[in-house]
């Protein structure tokens, strides 16, 4: 993402992101589904409940149709399996930053 000109901040955990000064200025969040203490979907739901409607892309090495369906229903922009296809990620990022609407094929 940096090579494409985006400013990127990385965090070791959801809690670190939530405690960061970047929370209110985050234009798009890319999070792993499986993280310690708080999962990516839990982080997204927490953000929404707290009033932060940050367009979110979830990535996972362990694709699960139930988790995918729930995340997309909850409003996640895309749910992408690893290894991540760069073109699909960029399409999801574009959707998150421009229209905030899901792409036609958001998985």
C-alpha atoms as a PDB file:
ATOM      1  CA  UNK A   1       0.000   0.000   0.000  1.00  0.00           C
ATOM      2  CA  UNK A   2       2.901   2.348   0.728  1.00  0.00           C
ATOM      3  CA  UNK A   3       4.276   1.779  -2.763  1.00  0.00           C
ATOM      4  CA  UNK A   4       0.941   2.999  -4.116  1.00  0.00           C
ATOM      5  CA  UNK A   5       1.179   6.223  -2.136  1.00  0.00           C
ATOM      6  CA  UNK A   6      -1.043   5.392   0.818  1.00  0.00           C
ATOM      7  CA  UNK A   7      -0.063   6.263   4.363  1.00  0.00           C
ATOM      8  CA  UNK A   8      -0.020   3.042   6.340  1.00  0.00           C
ATOM      9  CA  UNK A   9       0.094   2.395  10.068  1.00  0.00           C
ATOM     10  CA  UNK A  10       0.472  -1.134  11.446  1.00  0.00           C
ATOM     11  CA  UNK A  11      -0.590  -2.314  14.882  1.00  0.00           C
ATOM     12  CA  UNK A  12       0.244  -5.531  16.738  1.00  0.00           C
ATOM     13  CA  UNK A  13      -3.320  -5.922  18.030  1.00  0.00           C
ATOM     14  CA  UNK A  14      -6.845  -4.559  17.839  1.00  0.00           C
ATOM     15  CA  UNK A  15      -6.390  -3.016  21.291  1.00  0.00           C
ATOM     16  CA  UNK A  16      -3.317  -1.119  20.115  1.00  0.00           C
ATOM     17  CA  UNK A  17      -5.253   0.249  17.147  1.00  0.00           C
ATOM     18  CA  UNK A  18      -8.188   1.258  19.358  1.00  0.00           C
ATOM     19  CA  UNK A  19      -5.829   3.093  21.715  1.00  0.00           C
ATOM     20  CA  UNK A  20      -3.956   4.847  18.918  1.00  0.00           C
ATOM     21  CA  UNK A  21      -4.277   8.489  17.928  1.00  0.00           C
ATOM     22  CA  UNK A  22      -5.020   7.283  14.365  1.00  0.00           C
ATOM     23  CA  UNK A  23      -8.446   5.861  15.162  1.00  0.00           C
ATOM     24  CA  UNK A  24     -10.455   8.952  14.276  1.00  0.00           C
ATOM     25  CA  UNK A  25      -8.522   9.660  11.084  1.00  0.00           C
ATOM     26  CA  UNK A  26      -8.491   6.118   9.659  1.00  0.00           C
ATOM     27  CA  UNK A  27      -9.988   6.095   6.153  1.00  0.00           C
ATOM     28  CA  UNK A  28      -9.847   2.308   5.730  1.00  0.00           C
ATOM     29  CA  UNK A  29      -8.979  -0.555   8.018  1.00  0.00           C
ATOM     30  CA  UNK A  30      -7.465  -3.813   6.800  1.00  0.00           C
ATOM     31  CA  UNK A  31      -7.562  -6.399   9.575  1.00  0.00           C
ATOM     32  CA  UNK A  32      -6.964 -10.093   9.901  1.00  0.00           C
ATOM     33  CA  UNK A  33      -9.957 -12.184  10.887  1.00  0.00           C
ATOM     34  CA  UNK A  34      -7.922 -14.167  13.428  1.00  0.00           C
ATOM     35  CA  UNK A  35      -6.095 -11.904  15.870  1.00  0.00           C
ATOM     36  CA  UNK A  36      -5.301 -12.431  19.533  1.00  0.00           C
ATOM     37  CA  UNK A  37      -7.853 -11.161  22.092  1.00  0.00           C
ATOM     38  CA  UNK A  38     -10.205  -9.527  19.542  1.00  0.00           C
ATOM     39  CA  UNK A  39     -10.988 -10.916  16.098  1.00  0.00           C
ATOM     40  CA  UNK A  40     -11.268  -8.750  13.004  1.00  0.00           C
ATOM     41  CA  UNK A  41     -15.076  -9.105  12.893  1.00  0.00           C
ATOM     42  CA  UNK A  42     -15.281  -8.275  16.623  1.00  0.00           C
ATOM     43  CA  UNK A  43     -13.105  -5.216  16.058  1.00  0.00           C
ATOM     44  CA  UNK A  44     -15.384  -4.065  13.244  1.00  0.00           C
ATOM     45  CA  UNK A  45     -18.529  -4.507  15.353  1.00  0.00           C
ATOM     46  CA  UNK A  46     -16.839  -2.682  18.246  1.00  0.00           C
ATOM     47  CA  UNK A  47     -15.967   0.231  15.969  1.00  0.00           C
ATOM     48  CA  UNK A  48     -19.529   0.504  14.663  1.00  0.00           C
ATOM     49  CA  UNK A  49     -20.973   0.323  18.187  1.00  0.00           C
ATOM     50  CA  UNK A  50     -18.558   3.089  19.224  1.00  0.00           C
ATOM     51  CA  UNK A  51     -19.606   5.355  16.354  1.00  0.00           C
ATOM     52  CA  UNK A  52     -16.619   4.773  14.070  1.00  0.00           C
ATOM     53  CA  UNK A  53     -17.870   3.789  10.639  1.00  0.00           C
ATOM     54  CA  UNK A  54     -14.471   2.910   9.223  1.00  0.00           C
ATOM     55  CA  UNK A  55     -14.665   0.997   5.939  1.00  0.00           C
ATOM     56  CA  UNK A  56     -13.100  -2.358   6.750  1.00  0.00           C
ATOM     57  CA  UNK A  57     -11.502  -5.104   4.704  1.00  0.00           C
ATOM     58  CA  UNK A  58     -10.985  -8.431   6.429  1.00  0.00           C
ATOM     59  CA  UNK A  59      -8.321 -10.911   5.349  1.00  0.00           C
ATOM     60  CA  UNK A  60      -7.887 -14.486   6.462  1.00  0.00           C
ATOM     61  CA  UNK A  61      -5.805 -17.584   5.955  1.00  0.00           C
ATOM     62  CA  UNK A  62      -8.725 -19.660   7.250  1.00  0.00           C
ATOM     63  CA  UNK A  63     -11.714 -18.761   5.109  1.00  0.00           C
ATOM     64  CA  UNK A  64     -15.028 -19.586   6.748  1.00  0.00           C
ATOM     65  CA  UNK A  65     -18.327 -19.067   4.921  1.00  0.00           C
ATOM     66  CA  UNK A  66     -20.243 -18.327   8.131  1.00  0.00           C
ATOM     67  CA  UNK A  67     -17.790 -15.682   9.270  1.00  0.00           C
ATOM     68  CA  UNK A  68     -17.692 -14.246   5.749  1.00  0.00           C
ATOM     69  CA  UNK A  69     -21.486 -14.025   5.491  1.00  0.00           C
ATOM     70  CA  UNK A  70     -21.864 -12.403   8.891  1.00  0.00           C
ATOM     71  CA  UNK A  71     -19.054  -9.915   8.275  1.00  0.00           C
ATOM     72  CA  UNK A  72     -20.475  -8.834   4.925  1.00  0.00           C
ATOM     73  CA  UNK A  73     -23.976  -8.621   6.403  1.00  0.00           C
ATOM     74  CA  UNK A  74     -22.571  -6.436   9.202  1.00  0.00           C
ATOM     75  CA  UNK A  75     -21.125  -4.074   6.579  1.00  0.00           C
ATOM     76  CA  UNK A  76     -17.518  -5.119   6.029  1.00  0.00           C
ATOM     77  CA  UNK A  77     -16.455  -3.971   2.554  1.00  0.00           C
ATOM     78  CA  UNK A  78     -14.594  -7.152   1.581  1.00  0.00           C
ATOM     79  CA  UNK A  79     -13.554 -10.501   3.036  1.00  0.00           C
ATOM     80  CA  UNK A  80     -10.464 -11.778   1.262  1.00  0.00           C
ATOM     81  CA  UNK A  81      -8.732 -15.154   1.582  1.00  0.00           C
ATOM     82  CA  UNK A  82      -4.946 -15.350   1.740  1.00  0.00           C
ATOM     83  CA  UNK A  83      -2.855 -15.315  -0.294  1.00  0.00           C
ATOM     84  CA  UNK A  84      -4.391 -11.993  -1.214  1.00  0.00           C
ATOM     85  CA  UNK A  85      -4.795 -11.176  -4.872  1.00  0.00           C
ATOM     86  CA  UNK A  86      -3.428  -7.653  -5.314  1.00  0.00           C
ATOM     87  CA  UNK A  87      -6.063  -6.639  -7.887  1.00  0.00           C
ATOM     88  CA  UNK A  88      -8.902  -7.750  -5.623  1.00  0.00           C
ATOM     89  CA  UNK A  89      -7.385  -5.934  -2.660  1.00  0.00           C
ATOM     90  CA  UNK A  90      -7.003  -2.738  -4.690  1.00  0.00           C
ATOM     91  CA  UNK A  91     -10.609  -3.008  -5.898  1.00  0.00           C
ATOM     92  CA  UNK A  92     -11.747  -3.385  -2.284  1.00  0.00           C
ATOM     93  CA  UNK A  93      -9.573  -0.474  -1.195  1.00  0.00           C
ATOM     94  CA  UNK A  94     -11.019   1.669  -3.979  1.00  0.00           C
ATOM     95  CA  UNK A  95     -14.548   0.748  -2.887  1.00  0.00           C
ATOM     96  CA  UNK A  96     -13.700   1.566   0.719  1.00  0.00           C
ATOM     97  CA  UNK A  97     -12.146   4.942  -0.059  1.00  0.00           C
ATOM     98  CA  UNK A  98     -14.460   6.120  -2.820  1.00  0.00           C
ATOM     99  CA  UNK A  99     -17.955   4.791  -2.555  1.00  0.00           C
ATOM    100  CA  UNK A 100     -17.896   2.926   0.742  1.00  0.00           C
ATOM    101  CA  UNK A 101     -20.068   0.398  -1.031  1.00  0.00           C
ATOM    102  CA  UNK A 102     -19.205  -3.295  -1.429  1.00  0.00           C
ATOM    103  CA  UNK A 103     -17.707  -4.320  -4.733  1.00  0.00           C
ATOM    104  CA  UNK A 104     -19.677  -6.636  -7.004  1.00  0.00           C
ATOM    105  CA  UNK A 105     -17.662  -9.640  -5.855  1.00  0.00           C
ATOM    106  CA  UNK A 106     -16.503  -8.839  -2.353  1.00  0.00           C
ATOM    107  CA  UNK A 107     -14.949 -12.162  -1.450  1.00  0.00           C
END
